Amino acid sequence: MTPEQKYQYQRIINTLIKQRKSKGLTIESLAMTIGTDTKTLGDWERKVKEPRLFNLLCWCEALQVYLNAQLNDGEF
């Protein structure tokens, strides 16, 4: 398994990074809004660490985007 396959939120994180940048937010300001530190948010963005689902939902809420889940047969 490659590192890209191992990191389950890769596509979501890439979208959230684009949203943060398009809104002109810094990692520092977004981290404060989410309630985490800048190192942790930076680690999530660099895909060094994977956020927990709760943190991912807080991140989405802070950027005013919605996360939809879709189940496929044999995948979850």
N, C-alpha and C. Protein backbone atom coordinates (compact mmCIF):
# COMPACT_ATOMS: atom_id res chain seq x y z
N MET A 1 0.84 -1.18 0.00
CA MET A 1 0.00 0.00 0.00
C MET A 1 0.89 1.25 0.00
N THR A 2 0.61 2.18 -0.90
CA THR A 2 1.40 3.40 -0.98
C THR A 2 0.97 4.37 0.11
N PRO A 3 1.82 5.36 0.43
CA PRO A 3 1.42 6.36 1.43
C PRO A 3 0.15 7.10 1.04
N GLU A 4 -0.05 7.33 -0.26
CA GLU A 4 -1.24 8.03 -0.71
C GLU A 4 -2.50 7.21 -0.43
N GLN A 5 -2.42 5.90 -0.61
CA GLN A 5 -3.56 5.04 -0.35
C GLN A 5 -3.82 4.92 1.15
N LYS A 6 -2.77 5.00 1.94
CA LYS A 6 -2.89 4.90 3.38
C LYS A 6 -3.62 6.10 3.97
N TYR A 7 -3.45 7.24 3.38
CA TYR A 7 -4.01 8.47 3.92
C TYR A 7 -5.42 8.65 3.38
N GLN A 8 -6.43 8.28 4.17
CA GLN A 8 -7.79 8.20 3.67
C GLN A 8 -8.45 9.54 3.37
N TYR A 9 -8.00 10.62 3.96
CA TYR A 9 -8.65 11.91 3.74
C TYR A 9 -7.91 12.79 2.74
N GLN A 10 -7.05 12.23 1.94
CA GLN A 10 -6.19 13.01 1.05
C GLN A 10 -6.98 13.98 0.15
N ARG A 11 -7.99 13.49 -0.54
CA ARG A 11 -8.75 14.35 -1.45
C ARG A 11 -9.49 15.44 -0.69
N ILE A 12 -10.03 15.10 0.46
CA ILE A 12 -10.74 16.09 1.26
C ILE A 12 -9.78 17.17 1.73
N ILE A 13 -8.61 16.76 2.23
CA ILE A 13 -7.61 17.72 2.72
C ILE A 13 -7.18 18.66 1.60
N ASN A 14 -6.93 18.13 0.42
CA ASN A 14 -6.53 18.97 -0.72
C ASN A 14 -7.59 20.02 -1.02
N THR A 15 -8.85 19.63 -0.95
CA THR A 15 -9.95 20.57 -1.18
C THR A 15 -9.99 21.62 -0.08
N LEU A 16 -9.80 21.21 1.18
CA LEU A 16 -9.83 22.16 2.28
C LEU A 16 -8.68 23.15 2.21
N ILE A 17 -7.53 22.70 1.76
CA ILE A 17 -6.39 23.62 1.59
C ILE A 17 -6.73 24.67 0.54
N LYS A 18 -7.31 24.24 -0.57
CA LYS A 18 -7.71 25.19 -1.63
C LYS A 18 -8.73 26.19 -1.10
N GLN A 19 -9.69 25.71 -0.31
CA GLN A 19 -10.71 26.59 0.26
C GLN A 19 -10.08 27.61 1.21
N ARG A 20 -9.16 27.15 2.05
CA ARG A 20 -8.50 28.06 3.00
C ARG A 20 -7.77 29.16 2.25
N LYS A 21 -7.03 28.76 1.22
CA LYS A 21 -6.27 29.74 0.45
C LYS A 21 -7.18 30.69 -0.33
N SER A 22 -8.27 30.16 -0.88
CA SER A 22 -9.17 31.02 -1.66
C SER A 22 -9.88 32.04 -0.77
N LYS A 23 -10.04 31.73 0.51
CA LYS A 23 -10.65 32.65 1.46
C LYS A 23 -9.63 33.58 2.09
N GLY A 24 -8.36 33.39 1.74
CA GLY A 24 -7.30 34.26 2.26
C GLY A 24 -6.97 34.04 3.72
N LEU A 25 -7.23 32.83 4.21
CA LEU A 25 -6.95 32.53 5.62
C LEU A 25 -5.56 31.94 5.79
N THR A 26 -4.93 32.29 6.87
CA THR A 26 -3.63 31.69 7.20
C THR A 26 -3.88 30.43 8.03
N ILE A 27 -2.87 29.60 8.10
CA ILE A 27 -2.96 28.42 8.96
C ILE A 27 -3.18 28.86 10.41
N GLU A 28 -2.54 29.93 10.81
CA GLU A 28 -2.67 30.42 12.19
C GLU A 28 -4.10 30.81 12.51
N SER A 29 -4.73 31.59 11.63
CA SER A 29 -6.09 32.05 11.91
C SER A 29 -7.09 30.89 11.86
N LEU A 30 -6.90 29.97 10.93
CA LEU A 30 -7.80 28.83 10.83
C LEU A 30 -7.63 27.90 12.03
N ALA A 31 -6.41 27.68 12.45
CA ALA A 31 -6.16 26.83 13.62
C ALA A 31 -6.85 27.40 14.85
N MET A 32 -6.80 28.70 15.02
CA MET A 32 -7.44 29.34 16.16
C MET A 32 -8.96 29.12 16.10
N THR A 33 -9.54 29.25 14.91
CA THR A 33 -10.97 29.05 14.75
C THR A 33 -11.37 27.61 15.04
N ILE A 34 -10.56 26.67 14.57
CA ILE A 34 -10.85 25.25 14.78
C ILE A 34 -10.65 24.86 16.24
N GLY A 35 -9.71 25.51 16.90
CA GLY A 35 -9.40 25.18 18.29
C GLY A 35 -8.24 24.22 18.41
N THR A 36 -7.32 24.31 17.47
CA THR A 36 -6.12 23.49 17.51
C THR A 36 -4.91 24.39 17.36
N ASP A 37 -3.72 23.83 17.43
CA ASP A 37 -2.53 24.66 17.25
C ASP A 37 -2.07 24.62 15.80
N THR A 38 -1.23 25.57 15.44
CA THR A 38 -0.79 25.70 14.05
C THR A 38 0.05 24.50 13.60
N LYS A 39 0.81 23.92 14.50
CA LYS A 39 1.63 22.76 14.13
C LYS A 39 0.74 21.60 13.72
N THR A 40 -0.31 21.36 14.49
CA THR A 40 -1.22 20.25 14.19
C THR A 40 -1.91 20.48 12.85
N LEU A 41 -2.44 21.66 12.63
CA LEU A 41 -3.10 21.96 11.35
C LEU A 41 -2.11 21.84 10.20
N GLY A 42 -0.90 22.32 10.40
CA GLY A 42 0.14 22.19 9.38
C GLY A 42 0.46 20.73 9.09
N ASP A 43 0.50 19.91 10.13
CA ASP A 43 0.73 18.47 9.94
C ASP A 43 -0.40 17.84 9.14
N TRP A 44 -1.63 18.26 9.41
CA TRP A 44 -2.76 17.73 8.63
C TRP A 44 -2.64 18.14 7.17
N GLU A 45 -2.31 19.40 6.93
CA GLU A 45 -2.21 19.88 5.55
C GLU A 45 -1.07 19.22 4.80
N ARG A 46 0.03 18.94 5.48
CA ARG A 46 1.17 18.28 4.84
C ARG A 46 1.00 16.76 4.81
N LYS A 47 -0.10 16.30 5.40
CA LYS A 47 -0.42 14.86 5.46
C LYS A 47 0.61 14.06 6.26
N VAL A 48 1.16 14.72 7.28
CA VAL A 48 2.06 14.05 8.21
C VAL A 48 1.23 13.29 9.24
N LYS A 49 0.12 13.91 9.65
CA LYS A 49 -0.82 13.30 10.58
C LYS A 49 -2.20 13.36 9.95
N GLU A 50 -3.03 12.41 10.31
CA GLU A 50 -4.40 12.39 9.81
C GLU A 50 -5.33 12.90 10.89
N PRO A 51 -6.20 13.87 10.56
CA PRO A 51 -7.11 14.38 11.59
C PRO A 51 -8.17 13.33 11.93
N ARG A 52 -8.66 13.42 13.15
CA ARG A 52 -9.81 12.60 13.53
C ARG A 52 -11.03 13.18 12.82
N LEU A 53 -12.06 12.38 12.70
CA LEU A 53 -13.25 12.83 11.99
C LEU A 53 -13.83 14.09 12.62
N PHE A 54 -13.86 14.17 13.94
CA PHE A 54 -14.37 15.37 14.61
C PHE A 54 -13.59 16.60 14.18
N ASN A 55 -12.25 16.49 14.15
CA ASN A 55 -11.42 17.62 13.74
C ASN A 55 -11.68 17.99 12.29
N LEU A 56 -11.86 17.00 11.46
CA LEU A 56 -12.15 17.23 10.05
C LEU A 56 -13.48 17.99 9.90
N LEU A 57 -14.48 17.61 10.67
CA LEU A 57 -15.76 18.30 10.63
C LEU A 57 -15.65 19.74 11.13
N CYS A 58 -14.86 19.96 12.17
CA CYS A 58 -14.63 21.33 12.67
C CYS A 58 -13.93 22.17 11.61
N TRP A 59 -12.98 21.57 10.91
CA TRP A 59 -12.24 22.24 9.85
C TRP A 59 -13.22 22.66 8.74
N CYS A 60 -14.09 21.74 8.34
CA CYS A 60 -15.08 22.04 7.31
C CYS A 60 -16.01 23.17 7.75
N GLU A 61 -16.45 23.09 9.00
CA GLU A 61 -17.35 24.12 9.52
C GLU A 61 -16.68 25.49 9.53
N ALA A 62 -15.44 25.53 9.92
CA ALA A 62 -14.71 26.80 9.97
C ALA A 62 -14.58 27.43 8.58
N LEU A 63 -14.51 26.59 7.56
CA LEU A 63 -14.40 27.09 6.18
C LEU A 63 -15.76 27.22 5.50
N GLN A 64 -16.81 26.89 6.24
CA GLN A 64 -18.18 26.94 5.74
C GLN A 64 -18.37 26.08 4.50
N VAL A 65 -17.85 24.86 4.57
CA VAL A 65 -18.05 23.87 3.52
C VAL A 65 -18.69 22.64 4.15
N TYR A 66 -19.32 21.83 3.34
CA TYR A 66 -20.02 20.66 3.83
C TYR A 66 -19.31 19.39 3.38
N LEU A 67 -19.33 18.42 4.25
CA LEU A 67 -18.72 17.12 3.97
C LEU A 67 -19.85 16.12 3.81
N ASN A 68 -19.92 15.51 2.63
CA ASN A 68 -20.93 14.49 2.36
C ASN A 68 -20.25 13.14 2.26
N ALA A 69 -20.90 12.13 2.83
CA ALA A 69 -20.37 10.78 2.76
C ALA A 69 -21.23 9.95 1.82
N GLN A 70 -20.57 9.13 1.04
CA GLN A 70 -21.27 8.23 0.13
C GLN A 70 -20.67 6.84 0.30
N LEU A 71 -21.51 5.89 0.55
CA LEU A 71 -21.05 4.52 0.73
C LEU A 71 -21.14 3.77 -0.59
N ASN A 72 -20.10 3.04 -0.90
CA ASN A 72 -20.07 2.17 -2.07
C ASN A 72 -20.02 0.74 -1.58
N ASP A 73 -20.55 -0.18 -2.36
CA ASP A 73 -20.51 -1.59 -1.97
C ASP A 73 -19.06 -2.02 -1.74
N GLY A 74 -18.81 -2.61 -0.60
CA GLY A 74 -17.49 -3.13 -0.29
C GLY A 74 -16.49 -2.09 0.17
N GLU A 75 -16.91 -0.84 0.29
CA GLU A 75 -15.99 0.21 0.73
C GLU A 75 -16.58 0.94 1.91
N PHE A 76 -15.70 1.29 2.84
CA PHE A 76 -16.06 2.19 3.94
C PHE A 76 -14.85 2.46 4.77
